[in-house]
């Protein structure tokens, strides 16, 4: 079955550390291995409820413990996605140090900032990332010839653009890499659409783990400082969030972070919806 009560075992690899009367250190294990196929057969609401107990316990763990727990209890293959945005170095470093050589999926629209491409090269070299780049079947120029500038065509145009350049390439990546567990660096503080996301969910038929979901900006800064990592180069120029050149705006006083992307019409590019 896919539901289990917590177990207490000595020297279990992941869990909450507690000290027994004897002085020996015990770890309270989380729910054992989860059955992805069984969970996928449930209606969405039931899936959320089935994962609620696990999520309640994952909330008490550190980001590193969440990653280690997922690697031990969730099925492979494992992948990590990154937009190589402002704080990307955090999740790339955190997950890669626990699972070296994990495939890192980048969906390249062809419209990223030059600084983003340079940042990708820099982090790939520094962290020795196993980078897997996925792109749309149509080149940016061909898309513009066929559809015009989709990002100038309101919400419907932006959604079509995202489907072609983000969603389809990501679905292809998950399929080709045989992913069953997907790590991502989303944080609740980033936007209203992310404010209530759990640590663990099922999306696109695979487990999705958000190890730093509860981190605030200060925690991100401290992690970067501790490990000698940098923000995206455009951070110093006033960008809070970085995507494509044509739908990213510099932050100005009075703006919410989500207003800096997609002209304030949307916060999500489609990868983390559904």
Protein backbone atom coordinates (compact mmCIF):
# COMPACT_ATOMS: atom_id res chain seq x y z
CA UNK A 1 0.00 0.00 0.00
CA UNK A 2 1.04 3.62 -0.41
CA UNK A 3 0.19 4.82 3.09
CA UNK A 4 2.30 3.93 6.07
CA UNK A 5 2.70 5.29 9.56
CA UNK A 6 6.03 6.66 10.64
CA UNK A 7 8.58 4.07 11.62
CA UNK A 8 11.38 4.49 14.12
CA UNK A 9 14.57 2.73 13.19
CA UNK A 10 18.09 3.21 14.47
CA UNK A 11 20.55 4.75 11.99
CA UNK A 12 17.96 5.26 9.27
CA UNK A 13 19.54 7.54 6.69
CA UNK A 14 16.96 10.30 6.61
CA UNK A 15 14.51 11.71 9.10
CA UNK A 16 14.20 13.68 12.29
CA UNK A 17 17.08 13.17 14.69
CA UNK A 18 16.11 12.41 18.29
CA UNK A 19 18.09 11.08 21.19
CA UNK A 20 16.99 7.92 22.94
CA UNK A 21 17.38 7.55 26.74
CA UNK A 22 20.39 5.32 26.13
CA UNK A 23 22.15 8.23 24.44
CA UNK A 24 22.02 6.58 21.03
CA UNK A 25 20.89 8.78 18.17
CA UNK A 26 17.75 7.61 16.41
CA UNK A 27 16.09 9.02 13.32
CA UNK A 28 12.35 9.00 12.91
CA UNK A 29 11.76 7.81 9.37
CA UNK A 30 9.19 9.33 7.11
CA UNK A 31 6.72 7.29 5.11
CA UNK A 32 8.37 4.50 3.18
CA UNK A 33 8.63 4.27 -0.59
CA UNK A 34 5.66 5.77 -2.40
CA UNK A 35 3.95 3.99 -5.27
CA UNK A 36 3.78 6.44 -8.17
CA UNK A 37 1.54 4.25 -10.32
CA UNK A 38 -1.01 3.78 -7.53
CA UNK A 39 -1.05 7.50 -6.77
CA UNK A 40 -1.45 8.41 -10.44
CA UNK A 41 -4.61 6.31 -10.59
CA UNK A 42 -6.26 8.47 -7.92
CA UNK A 43 -8.25 11.64 -8.65
CA UNK A 44 -6.17 14.79 -8.10
CA UNK A 45 -7.86 15.69 -4.79
CA UNK A 46 -7.23 12.19 -3.42
CA UNK A 47 -3.59 12.37 -4.49
CA UNK A 48 -3.14 15.58 -2.51
CA UNK A 49 -4.75 14.00 0.55
CA UNK A 50 -2.64 10.85 0.17
CA UNK A 51 0.53 12.96 0.22
CA UNK A 52 -0.61 15.24 3.06
CA UNK A 53 0.91 13.16 5.86
CA UNK A 54 4.24 12.95 4.07
CA UNK A 55 4.20 16.67 3.35
CA UNK A 56 3.49 17.51 6.99
CA UNK A 57 6.69 15.71 7.93
CA UNK A 58 8.73 17.01 5.01
CA UNK A 59 7.94 20.53 6.24
CA UNK A 60 10.00 19.79 9.37
CA UNK A 61 13.12 18.74 7.46
CA UNK A 62 15.96 20.83 6.07
CA UNK A 63 16.28 21.22 2.31
CA UNK A 64 19.19 18.79 2.25
CA UNK A 65 17.20 16.21 4.23
CA UNK A 66 14.28 16.56 1.82
CA UNK A 67 16.53 15.81 -1.14
CA UNK A 68 18.11 12.84 0.60
CA UNK A 69 14.69 11.50 1.63
CA UNK A 70 13.38 11.81 -1.92
CA UNK A 71 16.38 9.99 -3.37
CA UNK A 72 15.86 7.16 -0.90
CA UNK A 73 12.08 6.86 -1.04
CA UNK A 74 10.95 8.08 -4.46
CA UNK A 75 11.58 6.23 -7.73
CA UNK A 76 14.25 7.07 -10.31
CA UNK A 77 15.17 8.31 -12.73
CA UNK A 78 15.80 11.66 -11.03
CA UNK A 79 16.04 15.04 -12.76
CA UNK A 80 16.44 18.67 -11.73
CA UNK A 81 15.01 21.54 -13.77
CA UNK A 82 16.42 25.06 -13.79
CA UNK A 83 15.70 28.29 -15.62
CA UNK A 84 19.14 29.55 -14.54
CA UNK A 85 17.38 32.56 -13.07
CA UNK A 86 18.32 34.94 -10.26
CA UNK A 87 18.79 32.36 -7.46
CA UNK A 88 19.37 29.27 -9.63
CA UNK A 89 22.76 28.50 -8.13
CA UNK A 90 21.12 27.48 -4.84
CA UNK A 91 19.09 24.47 -5.99
CA UNK A 92 21.70 23.51 -8.59
CA UNK A 93 24.41 23.34 -5.93
CA UNK A 94 22.20 21.81 -3.22
CA UNK A 95 20.82 18.93 -5.28
CA UNK A 96 23.96 18.29 -7.31
CA UNK A 97 26.17 17.93 -4.23
CA UNK A 98 23.86 15.21 -2.90
CA UNK A 99 23.23 13.58 -6.29
CA UNK A 100 26.24 14.36 -8.52
CA UNK A 101 25.60 14.01 -12.25
CA UNK A 102 21.81 14.34 -11.90
CA UNK A 103 20.45 15.46 -15.30
CA UNK A 104 19.73 19.21 -15.20
CA UNK A 105 16.97 20.17 -17.64
CA UNK A 106 17.01 23.59 -19.28
CA UNK A 107 14.27 24.57 -21.72
CA UNK A 108 15.99 27.09 -24.00
CA UNK A 109 13.58 29.42 -25.80
CA UNK A 110 16.32 31.09 -27.83
CA UNK A 111 15.28 34.42 -26.29
CA UNK A 112 17.22 34.30 -23.02
CA UNK A 113 19.42 37.23 -22.03
CA UNK A 114 23.09 37.03 -23.12
CA UNK A 115 23.91 37.19 -19.41
CA UNK A 116 21.75 34.11 -18.82
CA UNK A 117 23.63 32.06 -21.41
CA UNK A 118 26.91 33.19 -19.83
CA UNK A 119 25.56 32.27 -16.38
CA UNK A 120 24.57 28.81 -17.68
CA UNK A 121 28.10 28.23 -18.97
CA UNK A 122 29.64 29.51 -15.74
CA UNK A 123 27.51 27.36 -13.42
CA UNK A 124 27.76 24.28 -15.64
CA UNK A 125 31.54 24.51 -15.44
CA UNK A 126 31.77 25.48 -11.76
CA UNK A 127 29.30 22.86 -10.49
CA UNK A 128 30.14 20.23 -13.14
CA UNK A 129 26.47 20.01 -14.13
CA UNK A 130 25.08 17.25 -16.33
CA UNK A 131 23.18 19.80 -18.45
CA UNK A 132 20.44 18.63 -20.80
CA UNK A 133 19.12 21.37 -23.10
CA UNK A 134 15.71 21.01 -24.73
CA UNK A 135 14.22 23.35 -27.34
CA UNK A 136 11.06 23.70 -29.40
CA UNK A 137 10.86 21.87 -32.71
CA UNK A 138 10.55 25.22 -34.50
CA UNK A 139 13.32 27.82 -34.29
CA UNK A 140 12.46 31.26 -32.87
CA UNK A 141 12.66 32.83 -36.34
CA UNK A 142 10.35 30.20 -37.81
CA UNK A 143 7.86 30.68 -34.97
CA UNK A 144 7.79 34.43 -35.59
CA UNK A 145 7.22 33.84 -39.31
CA UNK A 146 4.33 31.47 -38.57
CA UNK A 147 2.63 33.10 -35.61
CA UNK A 148 4.05 36.60 -35.28
CA UNK A 149 5.34 37.72 -31.90
CA UNK A 150 3.17 35.56 -29.68
CA UNK A 151 4.21 37.39 -26.52
CA UNK A 152 2.57 40.54 -27.88
CA UNK A 153 -0.76 38.75 -28.40
CA UNK A 154 -2.17 38.92 -24.86
CA UNK A 155 -2.58 36.05 -22.43
CA UNK A 156 -3.62 33.63 -25.19
CA UNK A 157 -0.50 34.41 -27.21
CA UNK A 158 1.76 34.10 -24.17
CA UNK A 159 0.21 30.74 -23.27
CA UNK A 160 0.73 29.44 -26.81
CA UNK A 161 4.32 30.69 -26.74
CA UNK A 162 4.92 28.95 -23.40
CA UNK A 163 3.32 25.72 -24.62
CA UNK A 164 5.63 25.62 -27.66
CA UNK A 165 8.84 26.74 -25.97
CA UNK A 166 8.51 25.55 -22.38
CA UNK A 167 5.84 22.93 -21.79
CA UNK A 168 6.35 20.66 -24.82
CA UNK A 169 10.17 20.61 -24.47
CA UNK A 170 9.84 19.85 -20.73
CA UNK A 171 7.37 17.03 -21.36
CA UNK A 172 9.78 15.62 -23.95
CA UNK A 173 12.68 15.91 -21.49
CA UNK A 174 10.82 14.07 -18.72
CA UNK A 175 9.88 11.31 -21.16
CA UNK A 176 13.31 10.91 -22.79
CA UNK A 177 15.12 10.95 -19.45
CA UNK A 178 12.57 8.47 -18.03
CA UNK A 179 12.03 10.79 -15.07
CA UNK A 180 9.86 9.66 -12.18
CA UNK A 181 11.10 12.23 -9.65
CA UNK A 182 11.62 15.88 -10.61
CA UNK A 183 13.37 18.42 -8.37
CA UNK A 184 12.81 22.17 -8.85
CA UNK A 185 13.83 25.34 -7.02
CA UNK A 186 10.48 27.09 -6.55
CA UNK A 187 9.84 29.12 -3.38
CA UNK A 188 6.54 30.20 -1.83
CA UNK A 189 7.79 33.74 -1.31
CA UNK A 190 8.22 34.30 -5.06
CA UNK A 191 4.56 34.83 -5.95
CA UNK A 192 0.96 34.31 -4.97
CA UNK A 193 0.70 31.37 -7.37
CA UNK A 194 3.44 29.57 -5.41
CA UNK A 195 2.39 30.60 -1.90
CA UNK A 196 0.66 27.32 -1.03
CA UNK A 197 2.73 24.77 -2.93
CA UNK A 198 3.71 21.65 -0.93
CA UNK A 199 7.18 20.14 -0.75
CA UNK A 200 5.96 17.02 -2.56
CA UNK A 201 3.34 16.74 -5.28
CA UNK A 202 2.63 14.86 -8.49
CA UNK A 203 2.79 16.82 -11.73
CA UNK A 204 2.86 15.54 -15.31
CA UNK A 205 2.60 12.04 -13.87
CA UNK A 206 5.86 12.24 -11.89
CA UNK A 207 6.80 13.13 -8.31
CA UNK A 208 7.81 16.78 -7.98
CA UNK A 209 10.00 17.80 -5.05
CA UNK A 210 10.58 21.43 -4.03
CA UNK A 211 13.39 21.29 -1.42
CA UNK A 212 13.70 25.05 -0.83
CA UNK A 213 9.99 25.86 -1.09
CA UNK A 214 9.91 27.52 2.37
CA UNK A 215 13.14 29.52 2.04
CA UNK A 216 13.00 33.30 2.22
CA UNK A 217 15.31 35.73 0.42
CA UNK A 218 17.61 35.97 3.42
CA UNK A 219 18.11 32.19 3.54
CA UNK A 220 18.90 32.18 -0.18
CA UNK A 221 21.46 34.97 0.31
CA UNK A 222 23.09 33.17 3.24
CA UNK A 223 23.37 29.91 1.27
CA UNK A 224 24.97 31.68 -1.69
CA UNK A 225 27.44 33.42 0.62
CA UNK A 226 28.30 30.24 2.50
CA UNK A 227 29.11 28.30 -0.66
CA UNK A 228 30.77 31.05 -2.67
CA UNK A 229 27.96 31.20 -5.23
CA UNK A 230 26.57 34.17 -7.14
CA UNK A 231 23.21 35.56 -8.09
CA UNK A 232 22.40 35.87 -11.80
CA UNK A 233 24.43 38.79 -13.26
CA UNK A 234 21.25 40.84 -13.87
CA UNK A 235 20.46 40.87 -10.14
CA UNK A 236 22.81 43.82 -9.71
CA UNK A 237 20.95 45.70 -12.46
CA UNK A 238 17.63 45.56 -10.61
CA UNK A 239 16.07 42.35 -11.95
CA UNK A 240 14.21 40.20 -9.41
CA UNK A 241 13.18 37.52 -11.90
CA UNK A 242 14.73 36.71 -15.26
CA UNK A 243 13.16 34.90 -18.19
CA UNK A 244 13.03 35.86 -21.86
CA UNK A 245 14.26 39.27 -23.00
CA UNK A 246 10.87 40.24 -24.42
CA UNK A 247 8.77 39.44 -21.33
CA UNK A 248 11.10 40.40 -18.46
CA UNK A 249 11.11 43.85 -16.87
CA UNK A 250 13.44 45.41 -14.36
CA UNK A 251 11.87 45.85 -10.93
CA UNK A 252 10.81 49.40 -10.02
CA UNK A 253 9.57 50.74 -6.66
CA UNK A 254 5.94 49.82 -6.07
CA UNK A 255 5.99 46.77 -8.35
CA UNK A 256 5.24 43.26 -7.13
CA UNK A 257 7.78 40.66 -8.27
CA UNK A 258 5.21 38.94 -10.50
CA UNK A 259 4.67 42.21 -12.40
CA UNK A 260 8.21 41.94 -13.76
CA UNK A 261 7.27 38.94 -15.92
CA UNK A 262 4.83 38.55 -18.85
CA UNK A 263 3.73 42.22 -18.52
CA UNK A 264 2.00 41.31 -15.24
CA UNK A 265 -0.51 39.16 -17.14
CA UNK A 266 0.91 35.85 -15.88
CA UNK A 267 3.44 34.70 -13.30
CA UNK A 268 4.04 31.15 -14.45
CA UNK A 269 5.53 30.10 -17.78
CA UNK A 270 3.53 26.87 -17.74
CA UNK A 271 6.27 24.53 -16.52
CA UNK A 272 5.02 24.55 -12.95
CA UNK A 273 1.29 24.58 -13.64
CA UNK A 274 -1.04 21.61 -13.91
